[in-house]
Amino acid sequence: MRIILLGPPGAGKGTQSERIVARYGIPQLSTGDMLRAAVSAGTPVGLQAKSVMESGGLVSDAIVVGIVADRIEEADAKRGFILDGFPRTVEQASALDAMLSQKGIALDTVIEFAVDENALVGRIARRAEETAARGQPVRKDDTPEVFKTRLDAYRKQTAPLSDYYAGTGLLQTIDGMKAVDAVTEDLVAILDRQSATAAS
């Protein structure tokens, strides 16, 4: 089961990823974690990434796809994986497709969390207020101003992936504004159906 989760920041992808991992026993692949692991392991693509990062540059799409390519060869990813936070652009999606095709594997489904952005901003503002009320430091990402900037970046760079994956027939959309457990139920219904189809 090879899954991509799409949706703006704050849509609940992280929470739902944890539940998919627990239910189906497949790993969630975070590009940040994979980059750090590849750099510390000194893999060829990790060394490339390290030299770019040390020079203050941005790691190229080719390097990130190379790191994903290495990671999905590991034993825990043989039965499938969840990609959350990658691909971020249509170019990355195209490069990912090409790499998977070379390996003779394919994505099973792309699930988009449909959300009301104004409600998300309100949700983040409330979370920041509650955190501050408890006397805890508010994460920089959890201020409405920073969050709106992240939403703008998502809209420009990542939202076009909806059309890209709709064109492949892989895109399925669920209501990300429902209660957390209800979102999980919708997600599980899609994934169980997917598993049954793959097994038949």
C-alpha atoms as a PDB file:
ATOM      1  CA  MET A   1       0.000   0.000   0.000  1.00  0.00           C
ATOM      2  CA  ARG A   2       1.816   3.098  -1.266  1.00  0.00           C
ATOM      3  CA  ILE A   3       0.040   6.282  -0.266  1.00  0.00           C
ATOM      4  CA  ILE A   4       0.519  10.024  -0.608  1.00  0.00           C
ATOM      5  CA  LEU A   5      -1.376  12.339   1.752  1.00  0.00           C
ATOM      6  CA  LEU A   6      -2.128  15.827   0.478  1.00  0.00           C
ATOM      7  CA  GLY A   7      -3.513  18.819   2.306  1.00  0.00           C
ATOM      8  CA  PRO A   8      -2.423  22.177   3.694  1.00  0.00           C
ATOM      9  CA  PRO A   9      -0.573  22.547   6.991  1.00  0.00           C
ATOM     10  CA  GLY A  10      -2.890  21.982   9.931  1.00  0.00           C
ATOM     11  CA  ALA A  11      -5.184  19.641   7.974  1.00  0.00           C
ATOM     12  CA  GLY A  12      -4.392  16.691  10.259  1.00  0.00           C
ATOM     13  CA  LYS A  13      -2.142  14.652   7.969  1.00  0.00           C
ATOM     14  CA  GLY A  14       0.387  13.952  10.735  1.00  0.00           C
ATOM     15  CA  THR A  15      -2.243  12.626  13.140  1.00  0.00           C
ATOM     16  CA  GLN A  16      -3.823  10.426  10.475  1.00  0.00           C
ATOM     17  CA  SER A  17      -0.409   9.163   9.306  1.00  0.00           C
ATOM     18  CA  GLU A  18       0.303   7.886  12.825  1.00  0.00           C
ATOM     19  CA  ARG A  19      -2.996   5.995  12.796  1.00  0.00           C
ATOM     20  CA  ILE A  20      -2.294   4.462   9.363  1.00  0.00           C
ATOM     21  CA  VAL A  21       1.167   3.365  10.565  1.00  0.00           C
ATOM     22  CA  ALA A  22      -0.363   1.715  13.643  1.00  0.00           C
ATOM     23  CA  ARG A  23      -3.169   0.013  11.697  1.00  0.00           C
ATOM     24  CA  TYR A  24      -1.370  -1.189   8.572  1.00  0.00           C
ATOM     25  CA  GLY A  25       2.234  -1.525   9.768  1.00  0.00           C
ATOM     26  CA  ILE A  26       3.759   0.576   6.997  1.00  0.00           C
ATOM     27  CA  PRO A  27       6.215   3.412   7.664  1.00  0.00           C
ATOM     28  CA  GLN A  28       5.549   7.129   7.295  1.00  0.00           C
ATOM     29  CA  LEU A  29       8.390   8.613   5.259  1.00  0.00           C
ATOM     30  CA  SER A  30       9.328  12.184   6.120  1.00  0.00           C
ATOM     31  CA  THR A  31      11.822  13.794   3.762  1.00  0.00           C
ATOM     32  CA  GLY A  32      13.465  15.638   6.682  1.00  0.00           C
ATOM     33  CA  ASP A  33      13.999  12.405   8.615  1.00  0.00           C
ATOM     34  CA  MET A  34      15.193  10.582   5.485  1.00  0.00           C
ATOM     35  CA  LEU A  35      17.666  13.356   4.651  1.00  0.00           C
ATOM     36  CA  ARG A  36      19.140  13.330   8.156  1.00  0.00           C
ATOM     37  CA  ALA A  37      19.378   9.518   8.150  1.00  0.00           C
ATOM     38  CA  ALA A  38      21.050   9.434   4.715  1.00  0.00           C
ATOM     39  CA  VAL A  39      23.551  12.121   5.744  1.00  0.00           C
ATOM     40  CA  SER A  40      24.439  10.371   9.010  1.00  0.00           C
ATOM     41  CA  ALA A  41      24.685   6.972   7.250  1.00  0.00           C
ATOM     42  CA  GLY A  42      27.030   8.488   4.660  1.00  0.00           C
ATOM     43  CA  THR A  43      25.164   6.996   1.681  1.00  0.00           C
ATOM     44  CA  PRO A  44      26.253   8.329  -1.744  1.00  0.00           C
ATOM     45  CA  VAL A  45      23.107  10.457  -2.066  1.00  0.00           C
ATOM     46  CA  GLY A  46      23.418  11.444   1.626  1.00  0.00           C
ATOM     47  CA  LEU A  47      26.940  12.737   0.995  1.00  0.00           C
ATOM     48  CA  GLN A  48      25.644  14.755  -1.949  1.00  0.00           C
ATOM     49  CA  ALA A  49      22.925  16.248   0.252  1.00  0.00           C
ATOM     50  CA  LYS A  50      25.442  16.995   3.010  1.00  0.00           C
ATOM     51  CA  SER A  51      27.734  18.990   0.720  1.00  0.00           C
ATOM     52  CA  VAL A  52      24.773  21.018  -0.596  1.00  0.00           C
ATOM     53  CA  MET A  53      23.446  21.726   2.926  1.00  0.00           C
ATOM     54  CA  GLU A  54      26.897  22.657   4.242  1.00  0.00           C
ATOM     55  CA  SER A  55      27.257  25.207   1.464  1.00  0.00           C
ATOM     56  CA  GLY A  56      23.889  26.695   2.468  1.00  0.00           C
ATOM     57  CA  GLY A  57      22.098  25.523  -0.676  1.00  0.00           C
ATOM     58  CA  LEU A  58      18.711  23.889  -1.090  1.00  0.00           C
ATOM     59  CA  VAL A  59      18.758  20.159  -1.715  1.00  0.00           C
ATOM     60  CA  SER A  60      17.665  19.512  -5.314  1.00  0.00           C
ATOM     61  CA  ASP A  61      14.618  17.472  -6.323  1.00  0.00           C
ATOM     62  CA  ALA A  62      16.958  14.862  -7.826  1.00  0.00           C
ATOM     63  CA  ILE A  63      18.715  14.363  -4.482  1.00  0.00           C
ATOM     64  CA  VAL A  64      15.428  14.165  -2.545  1.00  0.00           C
ATOM     65  CA  VAL A  65      14.017  11.617  -5.017  1.00  0.00           C
ATOM     66  CA  GLY A  66      17.288   9.670  -4.727  1.00  0.00           C
ATOM     67  CA  ILE A  67      16.905   9.575  -0.943  1.00  0.00           C
ATOM     68  CA  VAL A  68      13.280   8.387  -1.266  1.00  0.00           C
ATOM     69  CA  ALA A  69      14.457   5.752  -3.782  1.00  0.00           C
ATOM     70  CA  ASP A  70      16.998   4.387  -1.281  1.00  0.00           C
ATOM     71  CA  ARG A  71      14.570   4.501   1.647  1.00  0.00           C
ATOM     72  CA  ILE A  72      11.786   2.522  -0.041  1.00  0.00           C
ATOM     73  CA  GLU A  73      14.249  -0.324  -0.663  1.00  0.00           C
ATOM     74  CA  GLU A  74      14.519  -0.905   3.095  1.00  0.00           C
ATOM     75  CA  ALA A  75      12.740  -3.939   4.537  1.00  0.00           C
ATOM     76  CA  ASP A  76      10.054  -2.042   6.481  1.00  0.00           C
ATOM     77  CA  ALA A  77       8.870  -0.268   3.319  1.00  0.00           C
ATOM     78  CA  LYS A  78       8.515  -3.391   1.170  1.00  0.00           C
ATOM     79  CA  ARG A  79       4.811  -3.722   2.016  1.00  0.00           C
ATOM     80  CA  GLY A  80       4.189  -0.041   1.413  1.00  0.00           C
ATOM     81  CA  PHE A  81       4.726   3.442   2.799  1.00  0.00           C
ATOM     82  CA  ILE A  82       3.080   6.806   3.400  1.00  0.00           C
ATOM     83  CA  LEU A  83       4.565   9.951   1.869  1.00  0.00           C
ATOM     84  CA  ASP A  84       3.550  13.100   3.734  1.00  0.00           C
ATOM     85  CA  GLY A  85       5.181  16.398   2.795  1.00  0.00           C
ATOM     86  CA  PHE A  86       6.568  14.997  -0.450  1.00  0.00           C
ATOM     87  CA  PRO A  87       6.083  15.587  -3.309  1.00  0.00           C
ATOM     88  CA  ARG A  88       5.599  19.325  -2.774  1.00  0.00           C
ATOM     89  CA  THR A  89       5.510  20.325  -6.450  1.00  0.00           C
ATOM     90  CA  VAL A  90       4.304  18.888  -9.757  1.00  0.00           C
ATOM     91  CA  GLU A  91       7.968  18.591 -10.827  1.00  0.00           C
ATOM     92  CA  GLN A  92       8.721  16.448  -7.777  1.00  0.00           C
ATOM     93  CA  ALA A  93       5.619  14.330  -8.438  1.00  0.00           C
ATOM     94  CA  SER A  94       6.755  13.710 -11.998  1.00  0.00           C
ATOM     95  CA  ALA A  95      10.275  12.763 -10.829  1.00  0.00           C
ATOM     96  CA  LEU A  96       8.772  10.443  -8.188  1.00  0.00           C
ATOM     97  CA  ASP A  97       6.603   8.734 -10.823  1.00  0.00           C
ATOM     98  CA  ALA A  98       9.632   8.176 -13.051  1.00  0.00           C
ATOM     99  CA  MET A  99      11.676   6.715 -10.170  1.00  0.00           C
ATOM    100  CA  LEU A 100       8.866   4.372  -9.063  1.00  0.00           C
ATOM    101  CA  SER A 101       8.323   3.290 -12.656  1.00  0.00           C
ATOM    102  CA  GLN A 102      12.020   2.372 -12.945  1.00  0.00           C
ATOM    103  CA  LYS A 103      11.596   0.161  -9.878  1.00  0.00           C
ATOM    104  CA  GLY A 104       8.472  -1.435 -11.356  1.00  0.00           C
ATOM    105  CA  ILE A 105       6.200  -0.194  -8.569  1.00  0.00           C
ATOM    106  CA  ALA A 106       3.363   2.316  -8.491  1.00  0.00           C
ATOM    107  CA  LEU A 107       1.418   4.446  -6.058  1.00  0.00           C
ATOM    108  CA  ASP A 108      -1.886   2.956  -4.914  1.00  0.00           C
ATOM    109  CA  THR A 109      -3.723   6.095  -3.921  1.00  0.00           C
ATOM    110  CA  VAL A 110      -3.372   9.809  -3.218  1.00  0.00           C
ATOM    111  CA  ILE A 111      -5.698  11.090  -0.495  1.00  0.00           C
ATOM    112  CA  GLU A 112      -6.401  14.788  -0.188  1.00  0.00           C
ATOM    113  CA  PHE A 113      -7.763  16.336   2.999  1.00  0.00           C
ATOM    114  CA  ALA A 114     -10.300  18.972   1.924  1.00  0.00           C
ATOM    115  CA  VAL A 115     -10.380  21.763   4.510  1.00  0.00           C
ATOM    116  CA  ASP A 116     -11.755  25.259   5.052  1.00  0.00           C
ATOM    117  CA  GLU A 117      -8.649  27.438   5.213  1.00  0.00           C
ATOM    118  CA  ASN A 118     -10.335  30.169   7.287  1.00  0.00           C
ATOM    119  CA  ALA A 119     -11.395  27.559   9.836  1.00  0.00           C
ATOM    120  CA  LEU A 120      -7.823  26.228   9.890  1.00  0.00           C
ATOM    121  CA  VAL A 121      -6.459  29.696  10.695  1.00  0.00           C
ATOM    122  CA  GLY A 122      -9.006  29.943  13.519  1.00  0.00           C
ATOM    123  CA  ARG A 123      -7.983  26.498  14.761  1.00  0.00           C
ATOM    124  CA  ILE A 124      -4.304  27.493  14.839  1.00  0.00           C
ATOM    125  CA  ALA A 125      -5.096  30.766  16.628  1.00  0.00           C
ATOM    126  CA  ARG A 126      -7.061  28.871  19.304  1.00  0.00           C
ATOM    127  CA  ARG A 127      -4.255  26.361  19.705  1.00  0.00           C
ATOM    128  CA  ALA A 128      -1.753  29.218  20.210  1.00  0.00           C
ATOM    129  CA  GLU A 129      -4.038  30.878  22.786  1.00  0.00           C
ATOM    130  CA  GLU A 130      -4.529  27.609  24.706  1.00  0.00           C
ATOM    131  CA  THR A 131      -0.773  26.913  24.680  1.00  0.00           C
ATOM    132  CA  ALA A 132      -0.010  30.426  25.957  1.00  0.00           C
ATOM    133  CA  ALA A 133      -2.755  30.109  28.624  1.00  0.00           C
ATOM    134  CA  ARG A 134      -1.014  26.962  29.927  1.00  0.00           C
ATOM    135  CA  GLY A 135       2.176  28.995  30.271  1.00  0.00           C
ATOM    136  CA  GLN A 136       3.913  27.012  27.535  1.00  0.00           C
ATOM    137  CA  PRO A 137       5.907  28.568  24.696  1.00  0.00           C
ATOM    138  CA  VAL A 138       3.943  28.959  21.456  1.00  0.00           C
ATOM    139  CA  ARG A 139       5.687  27.368  18.459  1.00  0.00           C
ATOM    140  CA  LYS A 140       6.646  29.894  15.809  1.00  0.00           C
ATOM    141  CA  ASP A 141       4.635  27.856  13.263  1.00  0.00           C
ATOM    142  CA  ASP A 142       1.541  28.182  15.447  1.00  0.00           C
ATOM    143  CA  THR A 143       1.045  31.916  15.066  1.00  0.00           C
ATOM    144  CA  PRO A 144      -1.699  32.935  12.592  1.00  0.00           C
ATOM    145  CA  GLU A 145       0.739  35.199  10.683  1.00  0.00           C
ATOM    146  CA  VAL A 146       3.310  32.442  10.070  1.00  0.00           C
ATOM    147  CA  PHE A 147       0.560  29.935   9.377  1.00  0.00           C
ATOM    148  CA  LYS A 148      -0.977  32.166   6.675  1.00  0.00           C
ATOM    149  CA  THR A 149       2.452  32.413   5.012  1.00  0.00           C
ATOM    150  CA  ARG A 150       2.706  28.597   5.022  1.00  0.00           C
ATOM    151  CA  LEU A 151      -0.815  28.359   3.555  1.00  0.00           C
ATOM    152  CA  ASP A 152       0.134  30.780   0.758  1.00  0.00           C
ATOM    153  CA  ALA A 153       3.211  28.686  -0.058  1.00  0.00           C
ATOM    154  CA  TYR A 154       1.055  25.530  -0.082  1.00  0.00           C
ATOM    155  CA  ARG A 155      -1.473  27.126  -2.426  1.00  0.00           C
ATOM    156  CA  LYS A 156       1.204  28.211  -4.906  1.00  0.00           C
ATOM    157  CA  GLN A 157       3.497  25.159  -4.835  1.00  0.00           C
ATOM    158  CA  THR A 158       1.558  22.112  -3.667  1.00  0.00           C
ATOM    159  CA  ALA A 159      -2.146  22.654  -4.402  1.00  0.00           C
ATOM    160  CA  PRO A 160      -1.559  22.024  -8.167  1.00  0.00           C
ATOM    161  CA  LEU A 161      -0.820  18.386  -7.217  1.00  0.00           C
ATOM    162  CA  SER A 162      -4.584  17.875  -6.855  1.00  0.00           C
ATOM    163  CA  ASP A 163      -5.069  18.327 -10.591  1.00  0.00           C
ATOM    164  CA  TYR A 164      -1.921  16.336 -11.356  1.00  0.00           C
ATOM    165  CA  TYR A 165      -3.074  13.280  -9.418  1.00  0.00           C
ATOM    166  CA  ALA A 166      -6.706  13.683 -10.489  1.00  0.00           C
ATOM    167  CA  GLY A 167      -5.356  13.298 -14.022  1.00  0.00           C
ATOM    168  CA  THR A 168      -3.789   9.945 -13.096  1.00  0.00           C
ATOM    169  CA  GLY A 169      -7.030   8.674 -11.555  1.00  0.00           C
ATOM    170  CA  LEU A 170      -5.324   8.193  -8.162  1.00  0.00           C
ATOM    171  CA  LEU A 171      -6.822  11.153  -6.276  1.00  0.00           C
ATOM    172  CA  GLN A 172      -9.466  10.609  -3.612  1.00  0.00           C
ATOM    173  CA  THR A 173     -10.753  13.409  -1.381  1.00  0.00           C
ATOM    174  CA  ILE A 174     -12.001  13.252   2.182  1.00  0.00           C
ATOM    175  CA  ASP A 175     -13.486  15.923   4.435  1.00  0.00           C
ATOM    176  CA  GLY A 176     -10.632  16.991   6.702  1.00  0.00           C
ATOM    177  CA  MET A 177     -12.910  19.238   8.767  1.00  0.00           C
ATOM    178  CA  LYS A 178     -14.711  16.293  10.370  1.00  0.00           C
ATOM    179  CA  ALA A 179     -13.808  15.093  13.871  1.00  0.00           C
ATOM    180  CA  VAL A 180     -10.461  13.264  13.991  1.00  0.00           C
ATOM    181  CA  ASP A 181     -12.031   9.806  14.478  1.00  0.00           C
ATOM    182  CA  ALA A 182     -14.491  10.392  11.622  1.00  0.00           C
ATOM    183  CA  VAL A 183     -11.611  11.345   9.302  1.00  0.00           C
ATOM    184  CA  THR A 184      -9.833   8.127  10.322  1.00  0.00           C
ATOM    185  CA  GLU A 185     -12.964   6.107   9.469  1.00  0.00           C
ATOM    186  CA  ASP A 186     -13.137   7.666   5.991  1.00  0.00           C
ATOM    187  CA  LEU A 187      -9.434   7.051   5.474  1.00  0.00           C
ATOM    188  CA  VAL A 188      -9.633   3.410   6.594  1.00  0.00           C
ATOM    189  CA  ALA A 189     -12.638   2.809   4.307  1.00  0.00           C
ATOM    190  CA  ILE A 190     -10.590   3.969   1.308  1.00  0.00           C
ATOM    191  CA  LEU A 191      -7.469   2.012   2.302  1.00  0.00           C
ATOM    192  CA  ASP A 192      -9.351  -1.212   3.123  1.00  0.00           C
ATOM    193  CA  ARG A 193     -11.110  -0.982  -0.249  1.00  0.00           C
ATOM    194  CA  GLN A 194      -7.720  -0.427  -1.875  1.00  0.00           C
ATOM    195  CA  SER A 195      -6.258  -3.478  -0.093  1.00  0.00           C
ATOM    196  CA  ALA A 196      -9.180  -5.669  -1.106  1.00  0.00           C
ATOM    197  CA  THR A 197      -8.835  -4.579  -4.751  1.00  0.00           C
ATOM    198  CA  ALA A 198      -5.082  -5.229  -4.722  1.00  0.00           C
ATOM    199  CA  ALA A 199      -5.584  -8.670  -3.182  1.00  0.00           C
ATOM    200  CA  SER A 200      -8.280  -9.747  -5.670  1.00  0.00           C
END
